[in-house]
Amino acid sequence: QGIYSYLDEGTDTFVIRRARLALTGDLTKSIKLKLQVDAVRNPVLVDAQVDVSFNSYINLRVGQFYLPFSRENRTSAGGLDTVLRAQVIDKLGPGRDIGSLGRDIGVMVLGRASIVEYMAGIFNGAGINKLDTNEHKDFAARVVVEPAKFLFVGGSLYSGRYSAAQGDPEVTRDRAGLEALLTLGLFSFRSEYIAGKDGSVSRSGWYLLGLYNVLPKKLQAVVKWDSYDQDRDTPADRTDLLTLGGNYYFSEKTKLMVNYVHYGQETKGTTNWALFLQFQAGF
């Protein structure tokens, strides 16, 4: 993923955002492996997971992988509908809130029964490629219900304690989220709400995204509104973002994204904007 960004207040620049190589394979009929590295980021190891399949109802995943929380938090960068993730996902999404790409090290059970899909596990809570920094393990779970082919609704929970390093004070880190996805013909609508508490500070945020397939599998128009309140007990500290964009697909994983983003800061009472052009090549 290469991007050009032009900022109303800032420096315009070209940058390589991601350069990833993933390997997946079947070790046996019931055991699968996934490894992913990123040549841009440090550390480079992104995913290192082993899946053991028993049946459709219960399976096991161990290693370093996406935490079971939120749809957008678990969506690969290559699968996003906009260049930027919603603020609330970056700020409160477990794993992303501590700079670990929505991932952690642990063990998880997952499965599906009829219209219900579930995931639940325990994790270090310290982030990717790190040892645990305290004596507690974090818990995360996500349940999604698909009552119809065009509708998904779900909820997520995260409960843990975070220490930046061993010996540092532990801070309570709790999250709760709701999500929904509705598809009507060429239109789709997606929304999430997340509330979190870090120590004594309560935070929350939400987003609403609408997408229209102008040319199915070729051209999309996107609008997204997201809002984030970094301290619910402090007035006038909300940040709102409006994104207007379009995606043109050359193939399933190769696309050009153009986004205009309007920023509104309640604290300062000011606004500014940015333009992002991102080209993604995938195979």
Protein backbone atom coordinates (compact mmCIF):
# COMPACT_ATOMS: atom_id res chain seq x y z
CA GLN A 1 0.00 0.00 0.00
CA GLY A 2 1.44 3.30 -1.15
CA ILE A 3 -0.26 6.55 -0.21
CA TYR A 4 -0.10 10.24 -1.02
CA SER A 5 -1.56 12.55 1.61
CA TYR A 6 -2.26 16.27 1.32
CA LEU A 7 -3.08 17.97 4.61
CA ASP A 8 -4.78 21.32 5.05
CA GLU A 9 -2.52 21.87 8.07
CA GLY A 10 0.64 19.84 7.66
CA THR A 11 3.09 18.46 5.12
CA ASP A 12 1.99 16.57 2.02
CA THR A 13 3.96 13.38 1.41
CA PHE A 14 4.28 10.02 -0.30
CA VAL A 15 4.77 6.97 1.94
CA ILE A 16 4.71 3.18 1.78
CA ARG A 17 2.18 2.31 4.49
CA ARG A 18 2.36 -1.49 4.33
CA ALA A 19 4.34 -4.18 2.52
CA ARG A 20 3.17 -7.55 3.80
CA LEU A 21 3.72 -11.16 2.84
CA ALA A 22 1.41 -13.85 4.22
CA LEU A 23 1.75 -17.62 4.09
CA THR A 24 -1.11 -20.00 4.83
CA GLY A 25 -1.16 -23.76 4.55
CA ASP A 26 -2.72 -27.03 5.70
CA LEU A 27 -0.36 -29.01 7.92
CA THR A 28 -2.94 -31.81 8.15
CA LYS A 29 -6.64 -32.06 7.32
CA SER A 30 -7.49 -30.51 10.67
CA ILE A 31 -4.49 -28.24 11.38
CA LYS A 32 -3.82 -24.98 9.51
CA LEU A 33 -0.97 -22.48 9.76
CA LYS A 34 -0.81 -18.75 9.04
CA LEU A 35 2.28 -16.54 9.12
CA GLN A 36 2.41 -12.87 8.10
CA VAL A 37 5.26 -10.36 8.16
CA ASP A 38 5.41 -6.65 7.33
CA ALA A 39 8.61 -5.23 5.86
CA VAL A 40 7.58 -1.65 6.74
CA ARG A 41 6.70 -1.97 10.41
CA ASN A 42 8.90 -2.93 13.31
CA PRO A 43 8.43 -5.58 14.66
CA VAL A 44 7.91 -7.39 11.39
CA LEU A 45 6.02 -10.44 12.68
CA VAL A 46 2.29 -9.70 12.39
CA ASP A 47 0.53 -13.10 12.52
CA ALA A 48 1.76 -16.47 13.73
CA GLN A 49 -1.22 -18.73 14.37
CA VAL A 50 -2.18 -22.39 14.28
CA ASP A 51 -5.83 -23.46 13.90
CA VAL A 52 -7.02 -26.89 15.03
CA SER A 53 -10.44 -27.88 13.66
CA PHE A 54 -12.64 -30.33 15.53
CA ASN A 55 -16.04 -29.57 13.99
CA SER A 56 -18.12 -26.53 13.01
CA TYR A 57 -19.14 -25.94 16.63
CA ILE A 58 -15.74 -25.74 18.32
CA ASN A 59 -12.23 -25.05 17.06
CA LEU A 60 -8.99 -23.90 18.64
CA ARG A 61 -6.58 -21.11 17.66
CA VAL A 62 -3.22 -20.50 19.35
CA GLY A 63 -0.41 -18.03 18.73
CA GLN A 64 -0.45 -14.36 17.70
CA PHE A 65 -3.59 -13.24 15.89
CA TYR A 66 -6.56 -10.84 15.76
CA LEU A 67 -8.35 -10.35 19.06
CA PRO A 68 -12.04 -11.34 19.00
CA PHE A 69 -13.44 -7.82 19.21
CA SER A 70 -15.27 -5.62 16.67
CA ARG A 71 -15.70 -6.11 12.93
CA GLU A 72 -13.47 -3.26 11.76
CA ASN A 73 -10.84 -4.00 14.40
CA ARG A 74 -10.51 -7.49 12.87
CA THR A 75 -10.63 -6.34 9.24
CA SER A 76 -7.33 -6.47 7.38
CA ALA A 77 -5.99 -3.14 6.11
CA GLY A 78 -6.43 -4.48 2.60
CA GLY A 79 -10.14 -5.05 3.18
CA LEU A 80 -11.08 -1.61 4.50
CA ASP A 81 -13.61 0.53 2.63
CA THR A 82 -11.81 3.77 3.58
CA VAL A 83 -8.12 4.65 3.83
CA LEU A 84 -8.34 5.38 7.57
CA ARG A 85 -9.98 3.28 10.25
CA ALA A 86 -12.62 4.92 12.42
CA GLN A 87 -11.18 6.87 15.33
CA VAL A 88 -12.89 4.69 17.92
CA ILE A 89 -11.28 1.57 16.42
CA ASP A 90 -7.78 3.06 16.59
CA LYS A 91 -8.32 4.48 20.07
CA LEU A 92 -10.37 1.74 21.76
CA GLY A 93 -10.00 -1.38 19.61
CA PRO A 94 -8.08 -3.91 21.76
CA GLY A 95 -4.60 -4.34 20.34
CA ARG A 96 -4.83 -1.17 18.27
CA ASP A 97 -5.12 1.04 21.37
CA ILE A 98 -1.59 -0.06 22.37
CA GLY A 99 -0.11 -0.04 18.85
CA SER A 100 -0.32 -3.78 18.16
CA LEU A 101 -2.41 -3.90 14.96
CA GLY A 102 -5.46 -5.36 16.72
CA ARG A 103 -3.55 -8.50 17.69
CA ASP A 104 -2.16 -10.20 20.78
CA ILE A 105 -0.71 -13.53 21.92
CA GLY A 106 -3.01 -16.12 23.43
CA VAL A 107 -5.45 -18.97 22.89
CA MET A 108 -9.01 -18.83 21.59
CA VAL A 109 -11.97 -21.10 20.91
CA LEU A 110 -14.29 -20.32 18.02
CA GLY A 111 -17.14 -21.89 16.11
CA ARG A 112 -20.53 -21.53 14.51
CA ALA A 113 -23.93 -23.03 15.31
CA SER A 114 -26.81 -22.24 12.96
CA ILE A 115 -27.02 -18.43 12.75
CA VAL A 116 -24.62 -17.75 15.65
CA GLU A 117 -20.85 -17.37 15.37
CA TYR A 118 -18.69 -16.98 18.48
CA MET A 119 -15.06 -16.40 19.51
CA ALA A 120 -13.61 -16.23 23.03
CA GLY A 121 -10.09 -16.36 24.40
CA ILE A 122 -7.47 -15.31 26.94
CA PHE A 123 -4.46 -13.18 26.02
CA ASN A 124 -1.33 -11.60 27.48
CA GLY A 125 -2.73 -8.10 26.91
CA ALA A 126 0.75 -6.67 26.31
CA GLY A 127 0.63 -6.62 22.49
CA ILE A 128 2.39 -8.43 19.66
CA ASN A 129 5.82 -10.01 20.02
CA LYS A 130 5.97 -9.21 23.74
CA LEU A 131 6.01 -11.13 27.00
CA ASP A 132 3.20 -10.45 29.45
CA THR A 133 3.94 -7.47 31.69
CA ASN A 134 1.76 -8.45 34.66
CA GLU A 135 0.32 -11.52 36.40
CA HIS A 136 -3.14 -11.17 34.87
CA LYS A 137 -4.52 -12.50 31.60
CA ASP A 138 -7.01 -10.50 29.53
CA PHE A 139 -10.33 -11.91 28.31
CA ALA A 140 -11.95 -11.11 24.95
CA ALA A 141 -15.09 -12.43 23.27
CA ARG A 142 -17.26 -11.66 20.24
CA VAL A 143 -20.65 -13.07 19.20
CA VAL A 144 -22.28 -12.38 15.82
CA VAL A 145 -25.82 -13.36 14.80
CA GLU A 146 -26.92 -13.63 11.16
CA PRO A 147 -30.74 -13.78 11.25
CA ALA A 148 -30.85 -13.22 7.46
CA LYS A 149 -28.32 -13.19 4.61
CA PHE A 150 -28.51 -9.41 4.43
CA LEU A 151 -28.15 -8.70 8.17
CA PHE A 152 -25.42 -9.20 10.78
CA VAL A 153 -25.60 -7.99 14.38
CA GLY A 154 -23.04 -8.61 17.09
CA GLY A 155 -21.44 -7.66 20.35
CA SER A 156 -17.95 -7.79 21.86
CA LEU A 157 -16.41 -7.66 25.33
CA TYR A 158 -12.86 -7.13 26.53
CA SER A 159 -11.64 -7.15 30.13
CA GLY A 160 -8.03 -6.76 31.15
CA ARG A 161 -5.26 -4.90 32.90
CA TYR A 162 -2.44 -3.12 31.11
CA SER A 163 1.11 -2.33 32.18
CA ALA A 164 3.45 -0.59 29.74
CA ALA A 165 6.37 -2.59 31.17
CA GLN A 166 6.99 -5.11 33.92
CA GLY A 167 6.84 -3.40 37.28
CA ASP A 168 4.75 -0.47 36.01
CA PRO A 169 1.36 0.19 37.64
CA GLU A 170 -1.55 -1.83 36.25
CA VAL A 171 -4.41 0.08 34.63
CA THR A 172 -7.87 -1.44 34.16
CA ARG A 173 -8.61 -1.74 30.42
CA ASP A 174 -12.22 -2.69 29.67
CA ARG A 175 -14.17 -2.45 26.41
CA ALA A 176 -17.71 -3.22 25.20
CA GLY A 177 -18.91 -2.92 21.63
CA LEU A 178 -21.96 -3.31 19.40
CA GLU A 179 -21.95 -3.76 15.61
CA ALA A 180 -24.38 -4.16 12.73
CA LEU A 181 -24.16 -4.71 8.96
CA LEU A 182 -27.09 -4.34 6.57
CA THR A 183 -26.91 -5.11 2.84
CA LEU A 184 -29.72 -4.06 0.51
CA GLY A 185 -28.96 -4.76 -3.15
CA LEU A 186 -26.11 -2.50 -4.26
CA PHE A 187 -26.14 -0.62 -0.92
CA SER A 188 -24.56 -1.64 2.37
CA PHE A 189 -24.60 0.08 5.74
CA ARG A 190 -22.29 -0.65 8.66
CA SER A 191 -22.06 0.81 12.15
CA GLU A 192 -20.25 0.19 15.43
CA TYR A 193 -20.32 1.68 18.91
CA ILE A 194 -17.58 1.07 21.49
CA ALA A 195 -17.39 2.20 25.12
CA GLY A 196 -14.20 1.78 27.10
CA LYS A 197 -12.65 2.52 30.46
CA ASP A 198 -8.93 2.99 31.12
CA GLY A 199 -8.45 3.29 34.84
CA SER A 200 -10.90 6.01 35.92
CA VAL A 201 -11.32 7.53 32.43
CA SER A 202 -14.42 6.58 30.43
CA ARG A 203 -14.28 6.91 26.62
CA SER A 204 -16.62 6.12 23.76
CA GLY A 205 -17.12 6.50 20.04
CA TRP A 206 -19.05 5.30 17.03
CA TYR A 207 -19.11 5.32 13.25
CA LEU A 208 -21.65 4.93 10.47
CA LEU A 209 -20.58 3.90 6.97
CA GLY A 210 -22.63 3.73 3.79
CA LEU A 211 -21.38 2.13 0.58
CA TYR A 212 -22.90 2.00 -2.91
CA ASN A 213 -21.60 -0.32 -5.64
CA VAL A 214 -21.76 1.99 -8.66
CA LEU A 215 -20.26 -0.78 -10.80
CA PRO A 216 -20.33 -4.12 -8.91
CA LYS A 217 -16.82 -5.45 -8.19
CA LYS A 218 -15.36 -2.41 -9.96
CA LEU A 219 -16.37 0.99 -8.55
CA GLN A 220 -17.69 1.98 -5.12
CA ALA A 221 -18.80 5.24 -3.54
CA VAL A 222 -18.33 5.56 0.24
CA VAL A 223 -19.39 7.99 2.95
CA LYS A 224 -18.37 7.58 6.59
CA TRP A 225 -19.03 9.60 9.72
CA ASP A 226 -17.17 8.77 12.90
CA SER A 227 -17.06 10.43 16.29
CA TYR A 228 -14.79 9.89 19.28
CA ASP A 229 -15.08 11.24 22.85
CA GLN A 230 -11.74 10.78 24.61
CA ASP A 231 -13.15 11.54 28.08
CA ARG A 232 -16.89 11.34 28.67
CA ASP A 233 -16.56 13.36 31.90
CA THR A 234 -14.84 16.27 30.15
CA PRO A 235 -17.03 18.57 28.03
CA ALA A 236 -16.19 19.68 24.48
CA ASP A 237 -13.42 17.16 23.74
CA ARG A 238 -15.08 15.25 20.90
CA THR A 239 -13.51 14.82 17.46
CA ASP A 240 -15.71 14.19 14.40
CA LEU A 241 -14.56 12.99 10.98
CA LEU A 242 -16.51 12.98 7.73
CA THR A 243 -15.04 10.88 4.92
CA LEU A 244 -16.16 11.00 1.29
CA GLY A 245 -14.47 8.49 -0.96
CA GLY A 246 -14.36 6.20 -3.95
CA ASN A 247 -12.72 2.82 -4.58
CA TYR A 248 -11.77 1.51 -8.01
CA TYR A 249 -10.88 -2.21 -8.24
CA PHE A 250 -8.42 -3.45 -10.87
CA SER A 251 -8.77 -6.93 -9.39
CA GLU A 252 -10.06 -8.43 -6.14
CA LYS A 253 -7.05 -7.25 -4.10
CA THR A 254 -5.67 -4.43 -6.25
CA LYS A 255 -7.43 -1.08 -5.99
CA LEU A 256 -7.16 2.70 -5.97
CA MET A 257 -8.78 4.59 -3.06
CA VAL A 258 -9.48 8.34 -3.00
CA ASN A 259 -10.68 9.89 0.29
CA TYR A 260 -11.51 13.45 1.31
CA VAL A 261 -11.58 13.73 5.11
CA HIS A 262 -13.06 16.68 7.01
CA TYR A 263 -11.97 17.04 10.64
CA GLY A 264 -13.95 18.83 13.34
CA GLN A 265 -12.49 19.37 16.82
CA GLU A 266 -15.05 20.35 19.43
CA THR A 267 -12.42 21.56 21.91
CA LYS A 268 -10.86 24.09 19.56
CA GLY A 269 -14.00 24.84 17.60
CA THR A 270 -11.97 24.55 14.40
CA THR A 271 -11.99 22.33 11.32
CA ASN A 272 -9.46 21.24 8.75
CA TRP A 273 -9.29 18.69 5.94
CA ALA A 274 -7.05 16.16 4.21
CA LEU A 275 -6.92 14.31 0.89
CA PHE A 276 -5.64 10.72 0.70
CA LEU A 277 -4.84 8.74 -2.45
CA GLN A 278 -3.88 5.13 -1.81
CA PHE A 279 -2.92 2.43 -4.29
CA GLN A 280 -2.94 -1.16 -3.11
CA ALA A 281 -1.51 -4.11 -5.00
CA GLY A 282 -2.31 -7.61 -3.80
CA PHE A 283 -1.95 -11.16 -5.08
